[in-house]
Amino acid sequence: MKHNYKHLLNTTLQRIYSYDTTGNIAAVTTTISLPQYKVTSTFSFSGGVLTSGSNTNNDGKILPITIENGRIAAYPNSDGSKTRFMYDAGGHNTKEESVNATGVVTGYTTYEFAATPVKQSPTISYKGFPTFSLVGTADLPISRQVSYVNGAVATDIQNQYQANSKGYLTTRTRKVTSMLNNYQTTQTYTYANCQ
């Protein structure tokens, strides 16, 4: 299965999926192309579980992606820096660290999760369209996301959710506090003949 997306600034995103004989996701290749740059990420799965990954940059250099317990543990960049991912016992991504080429953490983001899952009606679904997670379990919505730069809070995002009697999301209120500005938004969701 192949999907192509065209974005602003002449950016193209292409995703190619392949499956094993039992219908599980076997491989995903994502290529992002800009006028002056191109990167391809390739991920392999066994029985639907992530087992390996790599990035191929403009210069053809292949950078291995560290995989642990079926999830991305570290994502490399061509300059030697990387992003590290930490998880809780339930597999939720609780922290992401930006690490420079010398191994120093230059910034990080923490994630907290709501105690209760919130269902959302699926948007467009295709027969055979893969569902998989490269970074953590996605069964609980994020309730708070805090980003730190040089030890100081750069952005604090808090989400509150309300659901109907069947557990489907009806309202999400998002409060953002950052060094640049502060604002709050509320999204409401309605369902017709589906819940």
N, C-alpha and C. Protein backbone atom coordinates (compact mmCIF):
# COMPACT_ATOMS: atom_id res chain seq x y z
N MET A 1 0.85 -1.16 0.00
CA MET A 1 0.00 0.00 0.00
C MET A 1 0.89 1.22 0.00
N LYS A 2 0.55 2.21 -0.78
CA LYS A 2 1.37 3.41 -0.93
C LYS A 2 0.50 4.65 -0.80
N HIS A 3 0.96 5.62 0.00
CA HIS A 3 0.26 6.89 0.18
C HIS A 3 1.23 8.02 -0.12
N ASN A 4 0.79 9.00 -0.88
CA ASN A 4 1.59 10.19 -1.16
C ASN A 4 0.84 11.42 -0.66
N TYR A 5 1.55 12.32 -0.01
CA TYR A 5 0.97 13.57 0.47
C TYR A 5 1.85 14.72 0.00
N LYS A 6 1.24 15.79 -0.45
CA LYS A 6 2.00 16.99 -0.81
C LYS A 6 1.67 18.10 0.16
N HIS A 7 2.69 18.76 0.68
CA HIS A 7 2.50 19.79 1.68
C HIS A 7 2.99 21.13 1.14
N LEU A 8 2.85 22.15 1.97
CA LEU A 8 3.35 23.48 1.62
C LEU A 8 4.87 23.45 1.47
N LEU A 9 5.42 24.45 0.85
CA LEU A 9 6.86 24.62 0.67
C LEU A 9 7.47 23.46 -0.12
N ASN A 10 6.69 22.86 -1.03
CA ASN A 10 7.19 21.79 -1.90
C ASN A 10 7.72 20.59 -1.13
N THR A 11 7.07 20.26 -0.03
CA THR A 11 7.45 19.09 0.75
C THR A 11 6.55 17.92 0.35
N THR A 12 7.15 16.77 0.11
CA THR A 12 6.39 15.57 -0.24
C THR A 12 6.64 14.50 0.80
N LEU A 13 5.58 13.85 1.25
CA LEU A 13 5.66 12.74 2.18
C LEU A 13 5.10 11.51 1.48
N GLN A 14 5.89 10.45 1.43
CA GLN A 14 5.44 9.20 0.83
C GLN A 14 5.59 8.08 1.84
N ARG A 15 4.52 7.28 2.01
CA ARG A 15 4.58 6.12 2.91
C ARG A 15 4.22 4.87 2.13
N ILE A 16 5.01 3.83 2.32
CA ILE A 16 4.76 2.54 1.69
C ILE A 16 4.67 1.49 2.78
N TYR A 17 3.57 0.72 2.76
CA TYR A 17 3.33 -0.32 3.75
C TYR A 17 3.38 -1.68 3.07
N SER A 18 3.90 -2.67 3.80
CA SER A 18 3.79 -4.05 3.33
C SER A 18 3.38 -4.93 4.51
N TYR A 19 2.83 -6.10 4.18
CA TYR A 19 2.22 -6.96 5.18
C TYR A 19 2.76 -8.37 5.06
N ASP A 20 2.70 -9.13 6.17
CA ASP A 20 3.06 -10.54 6.10
C ASP A 20 1.86 -11.36 5.64
N THR A 21 2.02 -12.67 5.55
CA THR A 21 0.95 -13.53 5.01
C THR A 21 -0.28 -13.60 5.91
N THR A 22 -0.14 -13.20 7.19
CA THR A 22 -1.29 -13.23 8.10
C THR A 22 -1.97 -11.87 8.20
N GLY A 23 -1.47 -10.88 7.44
CA GLY A 23 -2.10 -9.56 7.44
C GLY A 23 -1.50 -8.57 8.41
N ASN A 24 -0.49 -8.97 9.19
CA ASN A 24 0.18 -8.03 10.11
C ASN A 24 1.09 -7.11 9.33
N ILE A 25 1.28 -5.90 9.85
CA ILE A 25 2.22 -4.97 9.25
C ILE A 25 3.62 -5.61 9.29
N ALA A 26 4.35 -5.57 8.16
CA ALA A 26 5.69 -6.15 8.08
C ALA A 26 6.75 -5.09 7.90
N ALA A 27 6.42 -4.01 7.18
CA ALA A 27 7.40 -2.95 6.94
C ALA A 27 6.69 -1.64 6.61
N VAL A 28 7.31 -0.54 7.02
CA VAL A 28 6.83 0.81 6.69
C VAL A 28 8.04 1.62 6.26
N THR A 29 7.94 2.24 5.10
CA THR A 29 9.00 3.13 4.62
C THR A 29 8.39 4.51 4.40
N THR A 30 8.97 5.51 5.05
CA THR A 30 8.51 6.89 4.93
C THR A 30 9.62 7.74 4.34
N THR A 31 9.31 8.47 3.26
CA THR A 31 10.28 9.36 2.64
C THR A 31 9.73 10.78 2.67
N ILE A 32 10.52 11.69 3.24
CA ILE A 32 10.17 13.11 3.25
C ILE A 32 11.15 13.82 2.32
N SER A 33 10.60 14.50 1.33
CA SER A 33 11.43 15.18 0.33
C SER A 33 11.15 16.67 0.35
N LEU A 34 12.21 17.44 0.53
CA LEU A 34 12.19 18.89 0.41
C LEU A 34 13.06 19.26 -0.79
N PRO A 35 12.98 20.49 -1.28
CA PRO A 35 13.80 20.85 -2.44
C PRO A 35 15.30 20.57 -2.25
N GLN A 36 15.83 20.75 -1.04
CA GLN A 36 17.27 20.59 -0.81
C GLN A 36 17.62 19.40 0.07
N TYR A 37 16.63 18.59 0.47
CA TYR A 37 16.91 17.56 1.47
C TYR A 37 15.94 16.40 1.32
N LYS A 38 16.40 15.21 1.65
CA LYS A 38 15.54 14.03 1.59
C LYS A 38 15.98 13.06 2.69
N VAL A 39 15.02 12.50 3.40
CA VAL A 39 15.32 11.48 4.41
C VAL A 39 14.30 10.36 4.28
N THR A 40 14.79 9.13 4.39
CA THR A 40 13.92 7.95 4.32
C THR A 40 14.06 7.16 5.61
N SER A 41 12.94 6.90 6.27
CA SER A 41 12.91 6.06 7.48
C SER A 41 12.28 4.73 7.12
N THR A 42 12.94 3.65 7.52
CA THR A 42 12.45 2.31 7.23
C THR A 42 12.30 1.55 8.54
N PHE A 43 11.13 0.93 8.73
CA PHE A 43 10.87 0.15 9.93
C PHE A 43 10.42 -1.25 9.54
N SER A 44 10.91 -2.25 10.28
CA SER A 44 10.53 -3.64 10.04
C SER A 44 9.83 -4.19 11.28
N PHE A 45 8.87 -5.08 11.05
CA PHE A 45 8.06 -5.67 12.10
C PHE A 45 8.07 -7.19 11.98
N SER A 46 7.90 -7.87 13.11
CA SER A 46 7.74 -9.32 13.11
C SER A 46 6.49 -9.63 13.93
N GLY A 47 5.51 -10.27 13.29
CA GLY A 47 4.25 -10.53 13.97
C GLY A 47 3.55 -9.25 14.38
N GLY A 48 3.79 -8.16 13.65
CA GLY A 48 3.18 -6.87 13.97
C GLY A 48 3.93 -6.07 15.01
N VAL A 49 5.07 -6.60 15.53
CA VAL A 49 5.85 -5.91 16.57
C VAL A 49 7.10 -5.31 15.93
N LEU A 50 7.37 -4.05 16.23
CA LEU A 50 8.53 -3.35 15.69
C LEU A 50 9.82 -4.02 16.13
N THR A 51 10.71 -4.34 15.16
CA THR A 51 11.97 -5.02 15.47
C THR A 51 13.20 -4.23 15.08
N SER A 52 13.12 -3.40 14.04
CA SER A 52 14.30 -2.64 13.63
C SER A 52 13.88 -1.41 12.84
N GLY A 53 14.82 -0.46 12.71
CA GLY A 53 14.55 0.75 11.95
C GLY A 53 15.83 1.47 11.61
N SER A 54 15.77 2.30 10.57
CA SER A 54 16.93 3.09 10.19
C SER A 54 16.49 4.33 9.41
N ASN A 55 17.36 5.33 9.39
CA ASN A 55 17.18 6.54 8.59
C ASN A 55 18.28 6.58 7.53
N THR A 56 17.90 6.93 6.31
CA THR A 56 18.88 7.17 5.26
C THR A 56 18.75 8.63 4.85
N ASN A 57 19.84 9.38 5.03
CA ASN A 57 19.81 10.82 4.76
C ASN A 57 20.23 11.14 3.34
N ASN A 58 20.22 12.42 3.03
CA ASN A 58 20.55 12.92 1.69
C ASN A 58 21.86 12.36 1.15
N ASP A 59 22.86 12.23 2.03
CA ASP A 59 24.18 11.78 1.61
C ASP A 59 24.28 10.26 1.49
N GLY A 60 23.17 9.56 1.72
CA GLY A 60 23.16 8.11 1.62
C GLY A 60 23.61 7.40 2.88
N LYS A 61 23.97 8.13 3.91
CA LYS A 61 24.42 7.53 5.17
C LYS A 61 23.23 6.90 5.89
N ILE A 62 23.40 5.66 6.34
CA ILE A 62 22.34 4.94 7.05
C ILE A 62 22.60 5.04 8.55
N LEU A 63 21.61 5.56 9.27
CA LEU A 63 21.70 5.71 10.73
C LEU A 63 20.72 4.75 11.38
N PRO A 64 21.21 3.78 12.17
CA PRO A 64 20.29 2.84 12.82
C PRO A 64 19.46 3.51 13.91
N ILE A 65 18.19 3.13 13.98
CA ILE A 65 17.29 3.59 15.04
C ILE A 65 17.27 2.52 16.12
N THR A 66 17.47 2.91 17.37
CA THR A 66 17.51 1.94 18.46
C THR A 66 16.09 1.51 18.82
N ILE A 67 15.83 0.21 18.78
CA ILE A 67 14.52 -0.36 19.11
C ILE A 67 14.66 -1.23 20.36
N GLU A 68 13.77 -1.03 21.33
CA GLU A 68 13.74 -1.86 22.54
C GLU A 68 12.29 -2.19 22.86
N ASN A 69 12.01 -3.46 23.12
CA ASN A 69 10.66 -3.91 23.48
C ASN A 69 9.60 -3.47 22.49
N GLY A 70 9.94 -3.47 21.20
CA GLY A 70 8.96 -3.13 20.17
C GLY A 70 8.65 -1.66 20.03
N ARG A 71 9.51 -0.79 20.61
CA ARG A 71 9.30 0.65 20.53
C ARG A 71 10.62 1.35 20.24
N ILE A 72 10.54 2.56 19.67
CA ILE A 72 11.74 3.35 19.44
C ILE A 72 12.32 3.80 20.78
N ALA A 73 13.60 3.50 21.00
CA ALA A 73 14.29 3.96 22.21
C ALA A 73 15.15 5.18 21.93
N ALA A 74 15.72 5.28 20.71
CA ALA A 74 16.54 6.43 20.34
C ALA A 74 16.48 6.63 18.84
N TYR A 75 16.32 7.90 18.44
CA TYR A 75 16.19 8.28 17.02
C TYR A 75 17.36 9.17 16.66
N PRO A 76 18.26 8.73 15.74
CA PRO A 76 19.49 9.48 15.46
C PRO A 76 19.31 10.59 14.44
N ASN A 77 20.20 11.58 14.50
CA ASN A 77 20.28 12.65 13.50
C ASN A 77 21.67 12.62 12.87
N SER A 78 21.78 13.18 11.68
CA SER A 78 23.03 13.10 10.93
C SER A 78 24.18 13.85 11.60
N ASP A 79 23.87 14.82 12.48
CA ASP A 79 24.93 15.59 13.16
C ASP A 79 25.45 14.90 14.42
N GLY A 80 24.95 13.68 14.69
CA GLY A 80 25.38 12.94 15.88
C GLY A 80 24.47 13.12 17.08
N SER A 81 23.54 14.06 17.01
CA SER A 81 22.56 14.22 18.09
C SER A 81 21.48 13.16 17.95
N LYS A 82 20.64 13.03 18.97
CA LYS A 82 19.55 12.04 18.91
C LYS A 82 18.44 12.43 19.86
N THR A 83 17.31 11.78 19.66
CA THR A 83 16.18 11.91 20.58
C THR A 83 16.00 10.57 21.27
N ARG A 84 15.96 10.57 22.60
CA ARG A 84 15.75 9.35 23.38
C ARG A 84 14.33 9.34 23.91
N PHE A 85 13.72 8.15 23.97
CA PHE A 85 12.35 7.99 24.42
C PHE A 85 12.31 7.09 25.65
N MET A 86 11.55 7.49 26.68
CA MET A 86 11.38 6.69 27.89
C MET A 86 9.91 6.31 28.02
N TYR A 87 9.64 5.16 28.65
CA TYR A 87 8.29 4.61 28.73
C TYR A 87 7.98 4.16 30.15
N ASP A 88 6.68 4.16 30.50
CA ASP A 88 6.28 3.60 31.78
C ASP A 88 6.00 2.11 31.61
N ALA A 89 5.58 1.46 32.69
CA ALA A 89 5.35 0.00 32.65
C ALA A 89 4.24 -0.38 31.67
N GLY A 90 3.32 0.55 31.39
CA GLY A 90 2.23 0.27 30.45
C GLY A 90 2.60 0.57 29.01
N GLY A 91 3.84 1.01 28.78
CA GLY A 91 4.30 1.28 27.43
C GLY A 91 4.01 2.68 26.93
N HIS A 92 3.56 3.59 27.80
CA HIS A 92 3.27 4.97 27.39
C HIS A 92 4.56 5.78 27.36
N ASN A 93 4.73 6.60 26.32
CA ASN A 93 5.90 7.46 26.18
C ASN A 93 5.81 8.60 27.19
N THR A 94 6.61 8.55 28.25
CA THR A 94 6.52 9.51 29.34
C THR A 94 7.55 10.63 29.25
N LYS A 95 8.62 10.42 28.44
CA LYS A 95 9.65 11.45 28.35
C LYS A 95 10.42 11.31 27.04
N GLU A 96 10.74 12.45 26.43
CA GLU A 96 11.60 12.49 25.25
C GLU A 96 12.74 13.46 25.55
N GLU A 97 13.97 13.02 25.32
CA GLU A 97 15.14 13.86 25.58
C GLU A 97 15.86 14.18 24.28
N SER A 98 16.25 15.44 24.12
CA SER A 98 17.13 15.85 23.02
C SER A 98 18.56 15.80 23.54
N VAL A 99 19.40 14.99 22.86
CA VAL A 99 20.77 14.76 23.31
C VAL A 99 21.72 15.20 22.21
N ASN A 100 22.71 16.06 22.53
CA ASN A 100 23.63 16.52 21.50
C ASN A 100 24.69 15.45 21.20
N ALA A 101 25.57 15.73 20.26
CA ALA A 101 26.56 14.74 19.80
C ALA A 101 27.54 14.33 20.89
N THR A 102 27.69 15.15 21.94
CA THR A 102 28.61 14.80 23.03
C THR A 102 27.90 14.07 24.17
N GLY A 103 26.59 13.83 24.02
CA GLY A 103 25.85 13.08 25.03
C GLY A 103 25.17 13.94 26.08
N VAL A 104 25.18 15.27 25.92
CA VAL A 104 24.56 16.18 26.88
C VAL A 104 23.09 16.39 26.52
N VAL A 105 22.20 16.26 27.51
CA VAL A 105 20.77 16.50 27.30
C VAL A 105 20.55 18.02 27.21
N THR A 106 20.04 18.47 26.05
CA THR A 106 19.85 19.91 25.83
C THR A 106 18.41 20.36 26.06
N GLY A 107 17.50 19.43 26.12
CA GLY A 107 16.09 19.74 26.37
C GLY A 107 15.32 18.45 26.48
N TYR A 108 14.14 18.54 27.06
CA TYR A 108 13.32 17.34 27.17
C TYR A 108 11.85 17.71 27.32
N THR A 109 10.99 16.72 27.04
CA THR A 109 9.55 16.89 27.16
C THR A 109 9.01 15.73 27.98
N THR A 110 8.15 16.04 28.95
CA THR A 110 7.50 15.00 29.75
C THR A 110 6.03 14.91 29.37
N TYR A 111 5.46 13.72 29.52
CA TYR A 111 4.07 13.48 29.19
C TYR A 111 3.37 12.81 30.37
N GLU A 112 2.17 13.29 30.68
CA GLU A 112 1.30 12.65 31.66
C GLU A 112 0.03 12.23 30.93
N PHE A 113 -0.64 11.19 31.43
CA PHE A 113 -1.78 10.64 30.72
C PHE A 113 -3.02 10.62 31.60
N ALA A 114 -4.17 10.78 30.95
CA ALA A 114 -5.45 10.68 31.66
C ALA A 114 -5.62 9.25 32.18
N ALA A 115 -6.37 9.11 33.25
CA ALA A 115 -6.56 7.78 33.85
C ALA A 115 -7.53 6.92 33.05
N THR A 116 -8.39 7.54 32.25
CA THR A 116 -9.44 6.82 31.54
C THR A 116 -9.28 6.98 30.04
N PRO A 117 -9.39 5.87 29.28
CA PRO A 117 -9.34 6.01 27.82
C PRO A 117 -10.53 6.81 27.31
N VAL A 118 -10.34 7.51 26.21
CA VAL A 118 -11.42 8.24 25.55
C VAL A 118 -11.48 7.75 24.12
N LYS A 119 -12.64 7.25 23.72
CA LYS A 119 -12.79 6.75 22.35
C LYS A 119 -13.11 7.91 21.41
N GLN A 120 -12.62 7.79 20.19
CA GLN A 120 -12.97 8.74 19.15
C GLN A 120 -13.46 7.96 17.95
N SER A 121 -14.48 8.46 17.32
CA SER A 121 -14.97 7.81 16.12
C SER A 121 -13.87 7.89 15.07
N PRO A 122 -13.53 6.78 14.39
CA PRO A 122 -12.46 6.82 13.41
C PRO A 122 -12.79 7.79 12.28
N THR A 123 -11.75 8.42 11.76
CA THR A 123 -11.95 9.31 10.62
C THR A 123 -12.09 8.44 9.38
N ILE A 124 -11.24 8.58 8.41
CA ILE A 124 -11.35 7.76 7.22
C ILE A 124 -10.57 6.48 7.44
N SER A 125 -11.17 5.35 7.15
CA SER A 125 -10.45 4.09 7.28
C SER A 125 -10.45 3.38 5.94
N TYR A 126 -9.36 2.72 5.65
CA TYR A 126 -9.22 1.99 4.40
C TYR A 126 -9.05 0.52 4.74
N LYS A 127 -9.54 -0.34 3.87
CA LYS A 127 -9.34 -1.77 4.07
C LYS A 127 -7.84 -2.05 4.05
N GLY A 128 -7.36 -2.68 5.08
CA GLY A 128 -5.94 -3.00 5.15
C GLY A 128 -5.06 -1.87 5.63
N PHE A 129 -5.64 -0.69 5.95
CA PHE A 129 -4.80 0.42 6.41
C PHE A 129 -4.18 0.05 7.74
N PRO A 130 -2.85 0.15 7.88
CA PRO A 130 -2.18 -0.38 9.07
C PRO A 130 -2.41 0.47 10.30
N THR A 131 -2.50 -0.21 11.44
CA THR A 131 -2.49 0.49 12.72
C THR A 131 -1.29 -0.04 13.48
N PHE A 132 -0.42 0.86 13.87
CA PHE A 132 0.78 0.47 14.59
C PHE A 132 1.28 1.68 15.35
N SER A 133 2.14 1.44 16.34
CA SER A 133 2.71 2.52 17.12
C SER A 133 4.22 2.35 17.16
N LEU A 134 4.93 3.40 16.80
CA LEU A 134 6.39 3.36 16.85
C LEU A 134 6.90 3.86 18.19
N VAL A 135 6.14 4.75 18.82
CA VAL A 135 6.56 5.37 20.08
C VAL A 135 5.45 5.25 21.10
N GLY A 136 5.43 4.16 21.84
CA GLY A 136 4.53 4.02 22.97
C GLY A 136 3.12 3.60 22.66
N THR A 137 2.42 3.24 23.71
CA THR A 137 1.04 2.82 23.65
C THR A 137 0.14 4.05 23.54
N ALA A 138 -0.90 3.95 22.73
CA ALA A 138 -1.77 5.12 22.49
C ALA A 138 -3.17 4.92 23.03
N ASP A 139 -3.32 4.13 24.11
CA ASP A 139 -4.66 3.84 24.62
C ASP A 139 -5.20 4.93 25.54
N LEU A 140 -4.35 5.78 26.10
CA LEU A 140 -4.79 6.85 26.98
C LEU A 140 -4.42 8.20 26.38
N PRO A 141 -5.31 9.19 26.48
CA PRO A 141 -4.98 10.52 25.94
C PRO A 141 -3.98 11.26 26.84
N ILE A 142 -3.18 12.11 26.22
CA ILE A 142 -2.19 12.91 26.96
C ILE A 142 -2.93 14.01 27.72
N SER A 143 -2.71 14.08 29.04
CA SER A 143 -3.35 15.12 29.84
C SER A 143 -2.43 16.32 30.06
N ARG A 144 -1.11 16.08 30.02
CA ARG A 144 -0.18 17.20 30.20
C ARG A 144 1.11 16.91 29.46
N GLN A 145 1.64 17.95 28.82
CA GLN A 145 2.90 17.86 28.08
C GLN A 145 3.71 19.09 28.42
N VAL A 146 4.89 18.88 29.00
CA VAL A 146 5.73 20.00 29.43
C VAL A 146 7.10 19.88 28.76
N SER A 147 7.51 20.94 28.06
CA SER A 147 8.81 20.97 27.39
C SER A 147 9.76 21.89 28.14
N TYR A 148 11.00 21.40 28.32
CA TYR A 148 12.03 22.15 29.05
C TYR A 148 13.21 22.44 28.13
N VAL A 149 13.73 23.64 28.21
CA VAL A 149 14.94 24.02 27.49
C VAL A 149 15.89 24.64 28.51
N ASN A 150 17.11 24.12 28.58
CA ASN A 150 18.11 24.60 29.55
C ASN A 150 17.56 24.59 30.97
N GLY A 151 16.78 23.57 31.29
CA GLY A 151 16.25 23.41 32.64
C GLY A 151 15.03 24.24 32.97
N ALA A 152 14.58 25.11 32.06
CA ALA A 152 13.42 25.98 32.33
C ALA A 152 12.24 25.52 31.47
N VAL A 153 11.04 25.72 32.01
CA VAL A 153 9.83 25.35 31.27
C VAL A 153 9.67 26.27 30.07
N ALA A 154 9.59 25.67 28.87
CA ALA A 154 9.38 26.45 27.65
C ALA A 154 7.90 26.45 27.27
N THR A 155 7.25 25.28 27.41
CA THR A 155 5.83 25.15 27.08
C THR A 155 5.18 24.16 28.03
N ASP A 156 3.99 24.50 28.49
CA ASP A 156 3.19 23.62 29.34
C ASP A 156 1.80 23.53 28.72
N ILE A 157 1.44 22.33 28.25
CA ILE A 157 0.15 22.11 27.61
C ILE A 157 -0.66 21.16 28.47
N GLN A 158 -1.87 21.59 28.88
CA GLN A 158 -2.75 20.74 29.68
C GLN A 158 -4.05 20.50 28.92
N ASN A 159 -4.47 19.23 28.89
CA ASN A 159 -5.69 18.84 28.20
C ASN A 159 -6.69 18.26 29.18
N GLN A 160 -7.95 18.64 29.02
CA GLN A 160 -9.04 18.04 29.79
C GLN A 160 -10.04 17.47 28.80
N TYR A 161 -10.58 16.29 29.12
CA TYR A 161 -11.47 15.58 28.21
C TYR A 161 -12.80 15.30 28.87
N GLN A 162 -13.87 15.37 28.08
CA GLN A 162 -15.20 14.94 28.53
C GLN A 162 -15.72 13.96 27.50
N ALA A 163 -16.42 12.94 27.99
CA ALA A 163 -16.93 11.90 27.09
C ALA A 163 -18.42 11.69 27.34
N ASN A 164 -19.10 11.12 26.34
CA ASN A 164 -20.52 10.82 26.51
C ASN A 164 -20.67 9.49 27.25
N SER A 165 -21.91 9.02 27.43
CA SER A 165 -22.17 7.82 28.24
C SER A 165 -21.56 6.57 27.64
N LYS A 166 -21.24 6.59 26.34
CA LYS A 166 -20.61 5.44 25.71
C LYS A 166 -19.09 5.54 25.65
N GLY A 167 -18.55 6.59 26.27
CA GLY A 167 -17.10 6.75 26.34
C GLY A 167 -16.47 7.49 25.19
N TYR A 168 -17.28 8.05 24.28
CA TYR A 168 -16.73 8.78 23.14
C TYR A 168 -16.48 10.23 23.50
N LEU A 169 -15.38 10.76 23.00
CA LEU A 169 -14.96 12.12 23.27
C LEU A 169 -16.01 13.12 22.80
N THR A 170 -16.40 14.05 23.70
CA THR A 170 -17.34 15.11 23.33
C THR A 170 -16.70 16.50 23.40
N THR A 171 -15.74 16.69 24.34
CA THR A 171 -15.09 17.99 24.50
C THR A 171 -13.63 17.80 24.89
N ARG A 172 -12.75 18.57 24.26
CA ARG A 172 -11.36 18.63 24.70
C ARG A 172 -10.99 20.09 24.88
N THR A 173 -10.57 20.43 26.10
CA THR A 173 -10.12 21.79 26.40
C THR A 173 -8.61 21.75 26.56
N ARG A 174 -7.94 22.63 25.82
CA ARG A 174 -6.48 22.66 25.82
C ARG A 174 -6.01 24.03 26.31
N LYS A 175 -5.17 24.02 27.35
CA LYS A 175 -4.61 25.25 27.90
C LYS A 175 -3.10 25.24 27.65
N VAL A 176 -2.61 26.26 26.95
CA VAL A 176 -1.20 26.33 26.59
C VAL A 176 -0.55 27.53 27.28
N THR A 177 0.53 27.28 28.00
CA THR A 177 1.33 28.32 28.62
C THR A 177 2.74 28.19 28.07
N SER A 178 3.24 29.24 27.44
CA SER A 178 4.58 29.16 26.86
C SER A 178 5.32 30.48 27.07
N MET A 179 6.60 30.48 26.68
CA MET A 179 7.42 31.70 26.81
C MET A 179 6.94 32.77 25.83
N LEU A 180 6.25 32.36 24.76
CA LEU A 180 5.81 33.32 23.75
C LEU A 180 4.41 33.85 23.99
N ASN A 181 3.46 32.93 24.33
CA ASN A 181 2.08 33.38 24.58
C ASN A 181 1.32 32.31 25.35
N ASN A 182 0.14 32.70 25.83
CA ASN A 182 -0.74 31.81 26.56
C ASN A 182 -2.11 31.84 25.90
N TYR A 183 -2.75 30.67 25.78
CA TYR A 183 -4.09 30.64 25.21
C TYR A 183 -4.79 29.36 25.60
N GLN A 184 -6.09 29.35 25.36
CA GLN A 184 -6.92 28.17 25.66
C GLN A 184 -7.88 27.94 24.49
N THR A 185 -8.05 26.69 24.11
CA THR A 185 -9.00 26.33 23.05
C THR A 185 -9.90 25.21 23.55
N THR A 186 -11.09 25.15 22.99
CA THR A 186 -12.02 24.07 23.29
C THR A 186 -12.54 23.50 21.98
N GLN A 187 -12.43 22.19 21.84
CA GLN A 187 -12.96 21.50 20.66
C GLN A 187 -14.13 20.65 21.12
N THR A 188 -15.21 20.67 20.35
CA THR A 188 -16.36 19.82 20.66
C THR A 188 -16.56 18.83 19.52
N TYR A 189 -17.04 17.65 19.86
CA TYR A 189 -17.24 16.57 18.91
C TYR A 189 -18.68 16.09 19.00
N THR A 190 -19.33 15.95 17.87
CA THR A 190 -20.69 15.41 17.84
C THR A 190 -20.70 14.21 16.92
N TYR A 191 -21.63 13.30 17.15
CA TYR A 191 -21.70 12.06 16.39
C TYR A 191 -23.12 11.87 15.88
N ALA A 192 -23.26 11.42 14.67
CA ALA A 192 -24.59 11.18 14.08
C ALA A 192 -24.65 9.74 13.58
N ASN A 193 -25.58 8.99 14.13
CA ASN A 193 -25.83 7.61 13.70
C ASN A 193 -24.62 6.70 13.76
N CYS A 194 -23.73 6.96 14.72
CA CYS A 194 -22.57 6.06 14.84
C CYS A 194 -22.31 5.63 16.28
N GLN A 195 -22.78 6.40 17.28
CA GLN A 195 -22.58 6.01 18.68
C GLN A 195 -23.93 6.00 19.39
